[in-house]
């Protein structure tokens, strides 16, 4: 999984929800592109939840990104 591949999935149109899986076993569902903000360097991202809670993640810890059709990127 590369940072550039995550960026492609995030910016894909039509908009499709996806799930980010991290090396520590956590996973985060991104229902809309507005819930994910990547830093300019691409190294970190902020994932927003529906209640304005957020997580800052190191994108180098992303192992896979699951897209709606069941494929892993």
PDB file of N, CA and C in Angstrom:
ATOM      1  N   UNK A   1       0.855  -1.183   0.000  1.00  0.00           N
ATOM      2  CA  UNK A   1       0.000   0.000   0.000  1.00  0.00           C
ATOM      3  C   UNK A   1       0.887   1.227   0.000  1.00  0.00           C
ATOM      4  N   UNK A   2       0.662   2.093  -0.955  1.00  0.00           N
ATOM      5  CA  UNK A   2       1.438   3.326  -1.016  1.00  0.00           C
ATOM      6  C   UNK A   2       0.563   4.521  -0.682  1.00  0.00           C
ATOM      7  N   UNK A   3       1.199   5.579  -0.236  1.00  0.00           N
ATOM      8  CA  UNK A   3       0.485   6.820   0.067  1.00  0.00           C
ATOM      9  C   UNK A   3      -0.196   7.337  -1.194  1.00  0.00           C
ATOM     10  N   UNK A   4       0.469   7.210  -2.342  1.00  0.00           N
ATOM     11  CA  UNK A   4      -0.113   7.676  -3.597  1.00  0.00           C
ATOM     12  C   UNK A   4      -1.362   6.869  -3.953  1.00  0.00           C
ATOM     13  N   UNK A   5      -1.350   5.567  -3.698  1.00  0.00           N
ATOM     14  CA  UNK A   5      -2.537   4.740  -3.993  1.00  0.00           C
ATOM     15  C   UNK A   5      -3.708   5.157  -3.113  1.00  0.00           C
ATOM     16  N   UNK A   6      -3.442   5.440  -1.833  1.00  0.00           N
ATOM     17  CA  UNK A   6      -4.509   5.925  -0.959  1.00  0.00           C
ATOM     18  C   UNK A   6      -5.063   7.237  -1.485  1.00  0.00           C
ATOM     19  N   UNK A   7      -4.206   8.106  -1.945  1.00  0.00           N
ATOM     20  CA  UNK A   7      -4.654   9.395  -2.494  1.00  0.00           C
ATOM     21  C   UNK A   7      -5.559   9.168  -3.712  1.00  0.00           C
ATOM     22  N   UNK A   8      -5.221   8.209  -4.570  1.00  0.00           N
ATOM     23  CA  UNK A   8      -6.049   7.908  -5.739  1.00  0.00           C
ATOM     24  C   UNK A   8      -7.432   7.406  -5.324  1.00  0.00           C
ATOM     25  N   UNK A   9      -7.479   6.514  -4.337  1.00  0.00           N
ATOM     26  CA  UNK A   9      -8.760   5.989  -3.859  1.00  0.00           C
ATOM     27  C   UNK A   9      -9.586   7.110  -3.237  1.00  0.00           C
ATOM     28  N   UNK A  10      -8.933   7.968  -2.455  1.00  0.00           N
ATOM     29  CA  UNK A  10      -9.604   9.083  -1.780  1.00  0.00           C
ATOM     30  C   UNK A  10     -10.209  10.063  -2.779  1.00  0.00           C
ATOM     31  N   UNK A  11      -9.514  10.290  -3.889  1.00  0.00           N
ATOM     32  CA  UNK A  11      -9.960  11.278  -4.872  1.00  0.00           C
ATOM     33  C   UNK A  11     -10.782  10.676  -6.012  1.00  0.00           C
ATOM     34  N   UNK A  12     -11.049   9.370  -5.978  1.00  0.00           N
ATOM     35  CA  UNK A  12     -11.778   8.704  -7.060  1.00  0.00           C
ATOM     36  C   UNK A  12     -13.190   9.274  -7.196  1.00  0.00           C
ATOM     37  N   UNK A  13     -13.657   9.337  -8.418  1.00  0.00           N
ATOM     38  CA  UNK A  13     -15.026   9.744  -8.708  1.00  0.00           C
ATOM     39  C   UNK A  13     -15.631   8.689  -9.606  1.00  0.00           C
ATOM     40  N   UNK A  14     -16.815   8.215  -9.363  1.00  0.00           N
ATOM     41  CA  UNK A  14     -17.718   8.691  -8.323  1.00  0.00           C
ATOM     42  C   UNK A  14     -17.193   8.356  -6.930  1.00  0.00           C
ATOM     43  N   UNK A  15     -17.689   9.099  -5.961  1.00  0.00           N
ATOM     44  CA  UNK A  15     -17.290   8.928  -4.574  1.00  0.00           C
ATOM     45  C   UNK A  15     -17.707   7.541  -4.092  1.00  0.00           C
ATOM     46  N   UNK A  16     -16.756   6.821  -3.468  1.00  0.00           N
ATOM     47  CA  UNK A  16     -17.041   5.493  -2.925  1.00  0.00           C
ATOM     48  C   UNK A  16     -16.454   5.401  -1.528  1.00  0.00           C
ATOM     49  N   UNK A  17     -17.215   4.899  -0.559  1.00  0.00           N
ATOM     50  CA  UNK A  17     -16.668   4.716   0.780  1.00  0.00           C
ATOM     51  C   UNK A  17     -15.570   3.655   0.745  1.00  0.00           C
ATOM     52  N   UNK A  18     -14.659   3.716   1.706  1.00  0.00           N
ATOM     53  CA  UNK A  18     -13.591   2.722   1.793  1.00  0.00           C
ATOM     54  C   UNK A  18     -13.166   2.571   3.244  1.00  0.00           C
ATOM     55  N   UNK A  19     -12.422   1.516   3.523  1.00  0.00           N
ATOM     56  CA  UNK A  19     -11.951   1.232   4.881  1.00  0.00           C
ATOM     57  C   UNK A  19     -10.434   1.191   4.866  1.00  0.00           C
ATOM     58  N   UNK A  20      -9.810   1.949   5.771  1.00  0.00           N
ATOM     59  CA  UNK A  20      -8.359   1.967   5.927  1.00  0.00           C
ATOM     60  C   UNK A  20      -7.994   1.011   7.052  1.00  0.00           C
ATOM     61  N   UNK A  21      -7.089   0.058   6.777  1.00  0.00           N
ATOM     62  CA  UNK A  21      -6.611  -0.899   7.775  1.00  0.00           C
ATOM     63  C   UNK A  21      -5.176  -0.541   8.155  1.00  0.00           C
ATOM     64  N   UNK A  22      -4.907  -0.496   9.466  1.00  0.00           N
ATOM     65  CA  UNK A  22      -3.573  -0.156   9.967  1.00  0.00           C
ATOM     66  C   UNK A  22      -2.843  -1.395  10.468  1.00  0.00           C
ATOM     67  N   UNK A  23      -1.533  -1.290  10.577  1.00  0.00           N
ATOM     68  CA  UNK A  23      -0.687  -2.397  11.013  1.00  0.00           C
ATOM     69  C   UNK A  23      -1.020  -2.869  12.426  1.00  0.00           C
ATOM     70  N   UNK A  24      -1.556  -1.995  13.271  1.00  0.00           N
ATOM     71  CA  UNK A  24      -1.876  -2.384  14.648  1.00  0.00           C
ATOM     72  C   UNK A  24      -3.250  -3.045  14.779  1.00  0.00           C
ATOM     73  N   UNK A  25      -3.928  -3.281  13.643  1.00  0.00           N
ATOM     74  CA  UNK A  25      -5.217  -3.958  13.662  1.00  0.00           C
ATOM     75  C   UNK A  25      -6.427  -3.037  13.646  1.00  0.00           C
ATOM     76  N   UNK A  26      -6.222  -1.759  13.874  1.00  0.00           N
ATOM     77  CA  UNK A  26      -7.351  -0.831  13.816  1.00  0.00           C
ATOM     78  C   UNK A  26      -7.784  -0.628  12.367  1.00  0.00           C
ATOM     79  N   UNK A  27      -9.036  -0.244  12.210  1.00  0.00           N
ATOM     80  CA  UNK A  27      -9.527   0.090  10.879  1.00  0.00           C
ATOM     81  C   UNK A  27     -10.510   1.249  10.998  1.00  0.00           C
ATOM     82  N   UNK A  28     -10.587   2.029   9.927  1.00  0.00           N
ATOM     83  CA  UNK A  28     -11.416   3.222   9.901  1.00  0.00           C
ATOM     84  C   UNK A  28     -12.179   3.274   8.592  1.00  0.00           C
ATOM     85  N   UNK A  29     -13.484   3.436   8.691  1.00  0.00           N
ATOM     86  CA  UNK A  29     -14.331   3.577   7.492  1.00  0.00           C
ATOM     87  C   UNK A  29     -14.404   5.056   7.121  1.00  0.00           C
ATOM     88  N   UNK A  30     -14.179   5.331   5.853  1.00  0.00           N
ATOM     89  CA  UNK A  30     -14.268   6.693   5.318  1.00  0.00           C
ATOM     90  C   UNK A  30     -15.477   6.705   4.390  1.00  0.00           C
ATOM     91  N   UNK A  31     -16.584   7.301   4.863  1.00  0.00           N
ATOM     92  CA  UNK A  31     -17.829   7.307   4.094  1.00  0.00           C
ATOM     93  C   UNK A  31     -17.889   8.403   3.040  1.00  0.00           C
ATOM     94  N   UNK A  32     -17.074   9.418   3.204  1.00  0.00           N
ATOM     95  CA  UNK A  32     -17.076  10.546   2.273  1.00  0.00           C
ATOM     96  C   UNK A  32     -15.677  11.152   2.281  1.00  0.00           C
ATOM     97  N   UNK A  33     -15.183  11.632   1.148  1.00  0.00           N
ATOM     98  CA  UNK A  33     -13.835  12.207   1.095  1.00  0.00           C
ATOM     99  C   UNK A  33     -13.607  13.338   2.092  1.00  0.00           C
ATOM    100  N   UNK A  34     -14.667  14.044   2.483  1.00  0.00           N
ATOM    101  CA  UNK A  34     -14.532  15.143   3.433  1.00  0.00           C
ATOM    102  C   UNK A  34     -14.142  14.693   4.833  1.00  0.00           C
ATOM    103  N   UNK A  35     -14.233  13.403   5.114  1.00  0.00           N
ATOM    104  CA  UNK A  35     -13.866  12.881   6.430  1.00  0.00           C
ATOM    105  C   UNK A  35     -12.397  12.497   6.532  1.00  0.00           C
ATOM    106  N   UNK A  36     -11.625  12.698   5.457  1.00  0.00           N
ATOM    107  CA  UNK A  36     -10.201  12.378   5.447  1.00  0.00           C
ATOM    108  C   UNK A  36      -9.429  13.573   4.919  1.00  0.00           C
ATOM    109  N   UNK A  37      -8.441  14.014   5.663  1.00  0.00           N
ATOM    110  CA  UNK A  37      -7.578  15.111   5.225  1.00  0.00           C
ATOM    111  C   UNK A  37      -6.129  14.652   5.326  1.00  0.00           C
ATOM    112  N   UNK A  38      -5.414  14.679   4.190  1.00  0.00           N
ATOM    113  CA  UNK A  38      -4.020  14.290   4.189  1.00  0.00           C
ATOM    114  C   UNK A  38      -3.136  15.523   4.316  1.00  0.00           C
ATOM    115  N   UNK A  39      -2.020  15.356   5.009  1.00  0.00           N
ATOM    116  CA  UNK A  39      -1.064  16.453   5.122  1.00  0.00           C
ATOM    117  C   UNK A  39      -0.422  16.696   3.758  1.00  0.00           C
ATOM    118  N   UNK A  40       0.119  17.881   3.518  1.00  0.00           N
ATOM    119  CA  UNK A  40       0.748  18.152   2.219  1.00  0.00           C
ATOM    120  C   UNK A  40       1.868  17.181   1.877  1.00  0.00           C
ATOM    121  N   UNK A  41       2.608  16.722   2.877  1.00  0.00           N
ATOM    122  CA  UNK A  41       3.695  15.769   2.617  1.00  0.00           C
ATOM    123  C   UNK A  41       3.153  14.376   2.321  1.00  0.00           C
ATOM    124  N   UNK A  42       1.909  14.110   2.727  1.00  0.00           N
ATOM    125  CA  UNK A  42       1.319  12.801   2.535  1.00  0.00           C
ATOM    126  C   UNK A  42       1.654  11.809   3.622  1.00  0.00           C
ATOM    127  N   UNK A  43       2.400  12.214   4.613  1.00  0.00           N
ATOM    128  CA  UNK A  43       2.847  11.288   5.655  1.00  0.00           C
ATOM    129  C   UNK A  43       1.774  11.000   6.706  1.00  0.00           C
ATOM    130  N   UNK A  44       0.934  11.984   7.022  1.00  0.00           N
ATOM    131  CA  UNK A  44      -0.101  11.801   8.034  1.00  0.00           C
ATOM    132  C   UNK A  44      -1.465  12.186   7.473  1.00  0.00           C
ATOM    133  N   UNK A  45      -2.490  11.726   8.175  1.00  0.00           N
ATOM    134  CA  UNK A  45      -3.855  12.067   7.787  1.00  0.00           C
ATOM    135  C   UNK A  45      -4.690  12.228   9.041  1.00  0.00           C
ATOM    136  N   UNK A  46      -5.736  13.023   8.925  1.00  0.00           N
ATOM    137  CA  UNK A  46      -6.724  13.162   9.987  1.00  0.00           C
ATOM    138  C   UNK A  46      -8.001  12.505   9.477  1.00  0.00           C
ATOM    139  N   UNK A  47      -8.529  11.589  10.265  1.00  0.00           N
ATOM    140  CA  UNK A  47      -9.783  10.908   9.938  1.00  0.00           C
ATOM    141  C   UNK A  47     -10.841  11.415  10.898  1.00  0.00           C
ATOM    142  N   UNK A  48     -11.899  11.983  10.364  1.00  0.00           N
ATOM    143  CA  UNK A  48     -12.977  12.533  11.177  1.00  0.00           C
ATOM    144  C   UNK A  48     -14.116  11.537  11.302  1.00  0.00           C
ATOM    145  N   UNK A  49     -14.697  11.457  12.491  1.00  0.00           N
ATOM    146  CA  UNK A  49     -15.876  10.639  12.724  1.00  0.00           C
ATOM    147  C   UNK A  49     -17.133  11.476  12.596  1.00  0.00           C
ATOM    148  N   UNK A  50     -18.267  10.831  12.707  1.00  0.00           N
ATOM    149  CA  UNK A  50     -19.533  11.535  12.535  1.00  0.00           C
ATOM    150  C   UNK A  50     -19.835  12.506  13.673  1.00  0.00           C
ATOM    151  N   UNK A  51     -19.184  12.352  14.819  1.00  0.00           N
ATOM    152  CA  UNK A  51     -19.455  13.219  15.969  1.00  0.00           C
ATOM    153  C   UNK A  51     -18.329  14.233  16.200  1.00  0.00           C
ATOM    154  N   UNK A  52     -17.582  14.557  15.150  1.00  0.00           N
ATOM    155  CA  UNK A  52     -16.457  15.491  15.183  1.00  0.00           C
ATOM    156  C   UNK A  52     -15.240  14.961  15.931  1.00  0.00           C
ATOM    157  N   UNK A  53     -15.274  13.709  16.377  1.00  0.00           N
ATOM    158  CA  UNK A  53     -14.067  13.093  16.913  1.00  0.00           C
ATOM    159  C   UNK A  53     -13.109  12.875  15.741  1.00  0.00           C
ATOM    160  N   UNK A  54     -11.812  12.788  16.034  1.00  0.00           N
ATOM    161  CA  UNK A  54     -10.865  12.560  14.945  1.00  0.00           C
ATOM    162  C   UNK A  54      -9.674  11.750  15.433  1.00  0.00           C
ATOM    163  N   UNK A  55      -9.003  11.126  14.489  1.00  0.00           N
ATOM    164  CA  UNK A  55      -7.780  10.363  14.722  1.00  0.00           C
ATOM    165  C   UNK A  55      -6.727  10.901  13.778  1.00  0.00           C
ATOM    166  N   UNK A  56      -5.510  11.049  14.265  1.00  0.00           N
ATOM    167  CA  UNK A  56      -4.382  11.388  13.412  1.00  0.00           C
ATOM    168  C   UNK A  56      -3.601  10.095  13.209  1.00  0.00           C
ATOM    169  N   UNK A  57      -3.406   9.715  11.956  1.00  0.00           N
ATOM    170  CA  UNK A  57      -2.707   8.460  11.699  1.00  0.00           C
ATOM    171  C   UNK A  57      -1.477   8.696  10.827  1.00  0.00           C
ATOM    172  N   UNK A  58      -0.486   7.850  11.027  1.00  0.00           N
ATOM    173  CA  UNK A  58       0.720   7.825  10.210  1.00  0.00           C
ATOM    174  C   UNK A  58       0.400   6.944   9.007  1.00  0.00           C
ATOM    175  N   UNK A  59       0.412   7.499   7.822  1.00  0.00           N
ATOM    176  CA  UNK A  59       0.013   6.741   6.647  1.00  0.00           C
ATOM    177  C   UNK A  59       1.002   5.649   6.271  1.00  0.00           C
ATOM    178  N   UNK A  60       2.182   5.677   6.852  1.00  0.00           N
ATOM    179  CA  UNK A  60       3.121   4.584   6.615  1.00  0.00           C
ATOM    180  C   UNK A  60       2.694   3.313   7.351  1.00  0.00           C
ATOM    181  N   UNK A  61       1.712   3.433   8.259  1.00  0.00           N
ATOM    182  CA  UNK A  61       1.197   2.277   8.983  1.00  0.00           C
ATOM    183  C   UNK A  61      -0.023   1.650   8.306  1.00  0.00           C
ATOM    184  N   UNK A  62      -0.466   2.212   7.181  1.00  0.00           N
ATOM    185  CA  UNK A  62      -1.599   1.655   6.452  1.00  0.00           C
ATOM    186  C   UNK A  62      -1.139   0.379   5.757  1.00  0.00           C
ATOM    187  N   UNK A  63      -1.855  -0.710   6.022  1.00  0.00           N
ATOM    188  CA  UNK A  63      -1.506  -1.984   5.386  1.00  0.00           C
ATOM    189  C   UNK A  63      -2.339  -2.226   4.139  1.00  0.00           C
ATOM    190  N   UNK A  64      -3.636  -1.942   4.217  1.00  0.00           N
ATOM    191  CA  UNK A  64      -4.523  -2.116   3.071  1.00  0.00           C
ATOM    192  C   UNK A  64      -5.629  -1.073   3.123  1.00  0.00           C
ATOM    193  N   UNK A  65      -6.223  -0.856   1.964  1.00  0.00           N
ATOM    194  CA  UNK A  65      -7.434  -0.040   1.867  1.00  0.00           C
ATOM    195  C   UNK A  65      -8.476  -0.897   1.165  1.00  0.00           C
ATOM    196  N   UNK A  66      -9.579  -1.112   1.837  1.00  0.00           N
ATOM    197  CA  UNK A  66     -10.647  -1.952   1.294  1.00  0.00           C
ATOM    198  C   UNK A  66     -11.677  -1.056   0.629  1.00  0.00           C
ATOM    199  N   UNK A  67     -11.982  -1.361  -0.628  1.00  0.00           N
ATOM    200  CA  UNK A  67     -12.975  -0.581  -1.368  1.00  0.00           C
ATOM    201  C   UNK A  67     -14.278  -1.372  -1.450  1.00  0.00           C
ATOM    202  N   UNK A  68     -15.404  -0.734  -1.751  1.00  0.00           N
ATOM    203  CA  UNK A  68     -16.726  -1.353  -1.637  1.00  0.00           C
ATOM    204  C   UNK A  68     -16.916  -2.680  -2.360  1.00  0.00           C
ATOM    205  N   UNK A  69     -16.248  -2.889  -3.464  1.00  0.00           N
ATOM    206  CA  UNK A  69     -16.469  -4.122  -4.210  1.00  0.00           C
ATOM    207  C   UNK A  69     -15.713  -5.312  -3.624  1.00  0.00           C
ATOM    208  N   UNK A  70     -15.129  -5.106  -2.416  1.00  0.00           N
ATOM    209  CA  UNK A  70     -14.452  -6.197  -1.731  1.00  0.00           C
ATOM    210  C   UNK A  70     -12.989  -6.346  -2.085  1.00  0.00           C
ATOM    211  N   UNK A  71     -12.467  -5.506  -2.932  1.00  0.00           N
ATOM    212  CA  UNK A  71     -11.054  -5.602  -3.299  1.00  0.00           C
ATOM    213  C   UNK A  71     -10.203  -4.866  -2.282  1.00  0.00           C
ATOM    214  N   UNK A  72      -8.998  -5.331  -2.105  1.00  0.00           N
ATOM    215  CA  UNK A  72      -8.027  -4.652  -1.259  1.00  0.00           C
ATOM    216  C   UNK A  72      -7.024  -3.974  -2.154  1.00  0.00           C
ATOM    217  N   UNK A  73      -6.676  -2.748  -1.822  1.00  0.00           N
ATOM    218  CA  UNK A  73      -5.695  -2.015  -2.612  1.00  0.00           C
ATOM    219  C   UNK A  73      -4.359  -2.051  -1.915  1.00  0.00           C
TER     220      UNK A  73
END
